[in-house]
Amino acid sequence: GLDAEGVGREAAEALTRFMETGGALDEHLAEQLLLPAALLASGRLGPVTPGTTRFTAARITGELTVQAEVLRRFLPVHIQVEPGGSVEVRPA
């Protein structure tokens, strides 16, 4: 295991890498937000006006890309995922 200084150093390095990406969300949070954004855009959240969600991810993962494709097949939404990290989810 790592000592406290090693853990702190790794955490600081990870934070520095994330901050250098310019993304508002890390890749894992981006994956987690895609489903609620698609539900909002599709109008499936009840009496809420369907809307558009935009965010930037620190990195586009394969999981995010696959999830976007699955959501496109099951919900009436347009999901645009750009290699640079920009994601947009809007009503179809």
C-alpha atoms as a PDB file:
ATOM      1  CA  GLY A   1       0.000   0.000   0.000  1.00  0.00           C
ATOM      2  CA  LEU A   2       0.871   3.619  -0.291  1.00  0.00           C
ATOM      3  CA  ASP A   3       1.682   5.884   2.591  1.00  0.00           C
ATOM      4  CA  ALA A   4      -0.395   9.026   3.146  1.00  0.00           C
ATOM      5  CA  GLU A   5       1.990  11.148   1.092  1.00  0.00           C
ATOM      6  CA  GLY A   6       1.769   8.727  -1.831  1.00  0.00           C
ATOM      7  CA  VAL A   7      -2.019   8.745  -1.729  1.00  0.00           C
ATOM      8  CA  GLY A   8      -2.015  12.539  -1.621  1.00  0.00           C
ATOM      9  CA  ARG A   9       0.439  12.742  -4.500  1.00  0.00           C
ATOM     10  CA  GLU A  10      -1.674  10.397  -6.661  1.00  0.00           C
ATOM     11  CA  ALA A  11      -4.831  12.372  -5.883  1.00  0.00           C
ATOM     12  CA  ALA A  12      -3.134  15.664  -6.735  1.00  0.00           C
ATOM     13  CA  GLU A  13      -1.793  14.252 -10.009  1.00  0.00           C
ATOM     14  CA  ALA A  14      -5.237  12.919 -10.962  1.00  0.00           C
ATOM     15  CA  LEU A  15      -6.816  16.292 -10.202  1.00  0.00           C
ATOM     16  CA  THR A  16      -4.167  18.085 -12.251  1.00  0.00           C
ATOM     17  CA  ARG A  17      -4.784  15.780 -15.227  1.00  0.00           C
ATOM     18  CA  PHE A  18      -8.536  16.388 -14.977  1.00  0.00           C
ATOM     19  CA  MET A  19      -8.144  20.162 -14.720  1.00  0.00           C
ATOM     20  CA  GLU A  20      -5.931  20.185 -17.818  1.00  0.00           C
ATOM     21  CA  THR A  21      -8.659  18.544 -19.944  1.00  0.00           C
ATOM     22  CA  GLY A  22     -10.982  21.542 -19.802  1.00  0.00           C
ATOM     23  CA  GLY A  23     -13.970  19.218 -19.377  1.00  0.00           C
ATOM     24  CA  ALA A  24     -16.677  20.191 -16.914  1.00  0.00           C
ATOM     25  CA  LEU A  25     -17.277  16.544 -15.984  1.00  0.00           C
ATOM     26  CA  ASP A  26     -14.969  13.608 -15.583  1.00  0.00           C
ATOM     27  CA  GLU A  27     -15.651  10.667 -17.870  1.00  0.00           C
ATOM     28  CA  HIS A  28     -17.561   8.686 -15.251  1.00  0.00           C
ATOM     29  CA  LEU A  29     -19.946  11.488 -14.318  1.00  0.00           C
ATOM     30  CA  ALA A  30     -20.575  12.145 -18.013  1.00  0.00           C
ATOM     31  CA  GLU A  31     -21.614   8.500 -18.413  1.00  0.00           C
ATOM     32  CA  GLN A  32     -23.943   8.779 -15.414  1.00  0.00           C
ATOM     33  CA  LEU A  33     -25.625  11.977 -16.641  1.00  0.00           C
ATOM     34  CA  LEU A  34     -26.364  10.732 -20.142  1.00  0.00           C
ATOM     35  CA  LEU A  35     -29.457   8.698 -19.150  1.00  0.00           C
ATOM     36  CA  PRO A  36     -31.183  11.496 -17.170  1.00  0.00           C
ATOM     37  CA  ALA A  37     -30.381  13.932 -19.993  1.00  0.00           C
ATOM     38  CA  ALA A  38     -31.951  11.547 -22.521  1.00  0.00           C
ATOM     39  CA  LEU A  39     -35.026  11.050 -20.341  1.00  0.00           C
ATOM     40  CA  LEU A  40     -35.425  14.825 -20.076  1.00  0.00           C
ATOM     41  CA  ALA A  41     -35.033  15.293 -23.828  1.00  0.00           C
ATOM     42  CA  SER A  42     -37.527  12.526 -24.567  1.00  0.00           C
ATOM     43  CA  GLY A  43     -40.190  14.005 -22.294  1.00  0.00           C
ATOM     44  CA  ARG A  44     -40.268  10.912 -20.093  1.00  0.00           C
ATOM     45  CA  LEU A  45     -39.697  12.759 -16.817  1.00  0.00           C
ATOM     46  CA  GLY A  46     -43.341  13.620 -16.300  1.00  0.00           C
ATOM     47  CA  PRO A  47     -44.710  17.156 -16.472  1.00  0.00           C
ATOM     48  CA  VAL A  48     -41.379  18.680 -17.424  1.00  0.00           C
ATOM     49  CA  THR A  49     -40.852  20.407 -20.750  1.00  0.00           C
ATOM     50  CA  PRO A  50     -38.411  18.364 -22.845  1.00  0.00           C
ATOM     51  CA  GLY A  51     -35.133  20.187 -23.093  1.00  0.00           C
ATOM     52  CA  THR A  52     -31.592  20.107 -24.367  1.00  0.00           C
ATOM     53  CA  THR A  53     -28.622  19.223 -22.199  1.00  0.00           C
ATOM     54  CA  ARG A  54     -25.049  20.142 -23.128  1.00  0.00           C
ATOM     55  CA  PHE A  55     -21.854  19.370 -21.274  1.00  0.00           C
ATOM     56  CA  THR A  56     -18.190  18.715 -21.842  1.00  0.00           C
ATOM     57  CA  ALA A  57     -16.526  15.558 -20.640  1.00  0.00           C
ATOM     58  CA  ALA A  58     -12.875  15.267 -19.763  1.00  0.00           C
ATOM     59  CA  ARG A  59     -12.706  12.239 -22.041  1.00  0.00           C
ATOM     60  CA  ILE A  60     -15.146  10.383 -24.274  1.00  0.00           C
ATOM     61  CA  THR A  61     -15.128   6.735 -23.267  1.00  0.00           C
ATOM     62  CA  GLY A  62     -16.281   3.707 -25.171  1.00  0.00           C
ATOM     63  CA  GLU A  63     -18.952   3.221 -22.527  1.00  0.00           C
ATOM     64  CA  LEU A  64     -20.341   6.711 -23.165  1.00  0.00           C
ATOM     65  CA  THR A  65     -20.429   6.100 -26.902  1.00  0.00           C
ATOM     66  CA  VAL A  66     -22.201   2.746 -26.507  1.00  0.00           C
ATOM     67  CA  GLN A  67     -24.661   4.187 -24.015  1.00  0.00           C
ATOM     68  CA  ALA A  68     -25.475   7.026 -26.430  1.00  0.00           C
ATOM     69  CA  GLU A  69     -26.152   4.530 -29.212  1.00  0.00           C
ATOM     70  CA  VAL A  70     -28.445   2.421 -27.024  1.00  0.00           C
ATOM     71  CA  LEU A  71     -30.376   5.487 -25.861  1.00  0.00           C
ATOM     72  CA  ARG A  72     -30.813   6.659 -29.461  1.00  0.00           C
ATOM     73  CA  ARG A  73     -32.440   3.319 -30.292  1.00  0.00           C
ATOM     74  CA  PHE A  74     -34.903   3.361 -27.406  1.00  0.00           C
ATOM     75  CA  LEU A  75     -35.775   7.030 -26.907  1.00  0.00           C
ATOM     76  CA  PRO A  76     -36.791   9.774 -29.344  1.00  0.00           C
ATOM     77  CA  VAL A  77     -33.612  11.796 -28.837  1.00  0.00           C
ATOM     78  CA  HIS A  78     -30.644  13.106 -30.778  1.00  0.00           C
ATOM     79  CA  ILE A  79     -27.342  12.577 -28.985  1.00  0.00           C
ATOM     80  CA  GLN A  80     -24.230  14.149 -30.414  1.00  0.00           C
ATOM     81  CA  VAL A  81     -20.877  13.098 -28.967  1.00  0.00           C
ATOM     82  CA  GLU A  82     -17.815  14.924 -30.259  1.00  0.00           C
ATOM     83  CA  PRO A  83     -14.280  13.517 -29.953  1.00  0.00           C
ATOM     84  CA  GLY A  84     -13.198  16.690 -28.128  1.00  0.00           C
ATOM     85  CA  GLY A  85     -15.578  15.954 -25.255  1.00  0.00           C
ATOM     86  CA  SER A  86     -18.650  17.976 -26.188  1.00  0.00           C
ATOM     87  CA  VAL A  87     -21.957  16.150 -25.633  1.00  0.00           C
ATOM     88  CA  GLU A  88     -25.423  17.373 -26.589  1.00  0.00           C
ATOM     89  CA  VAL A  89     -28.707  15.580 -25.921  1.00  0.00           C
ATOM     90  CA  ARG A  90     -31.862  17.081 -27.440  1.00  0.00           C
ATOM     91  CA  PRO A  91     -35.401  16.063 -28.348  1.00  0.00           C
ATOM     92  CA  ALA A  92     -35.824  14.291 -31.683  1.00  0.00           C
END
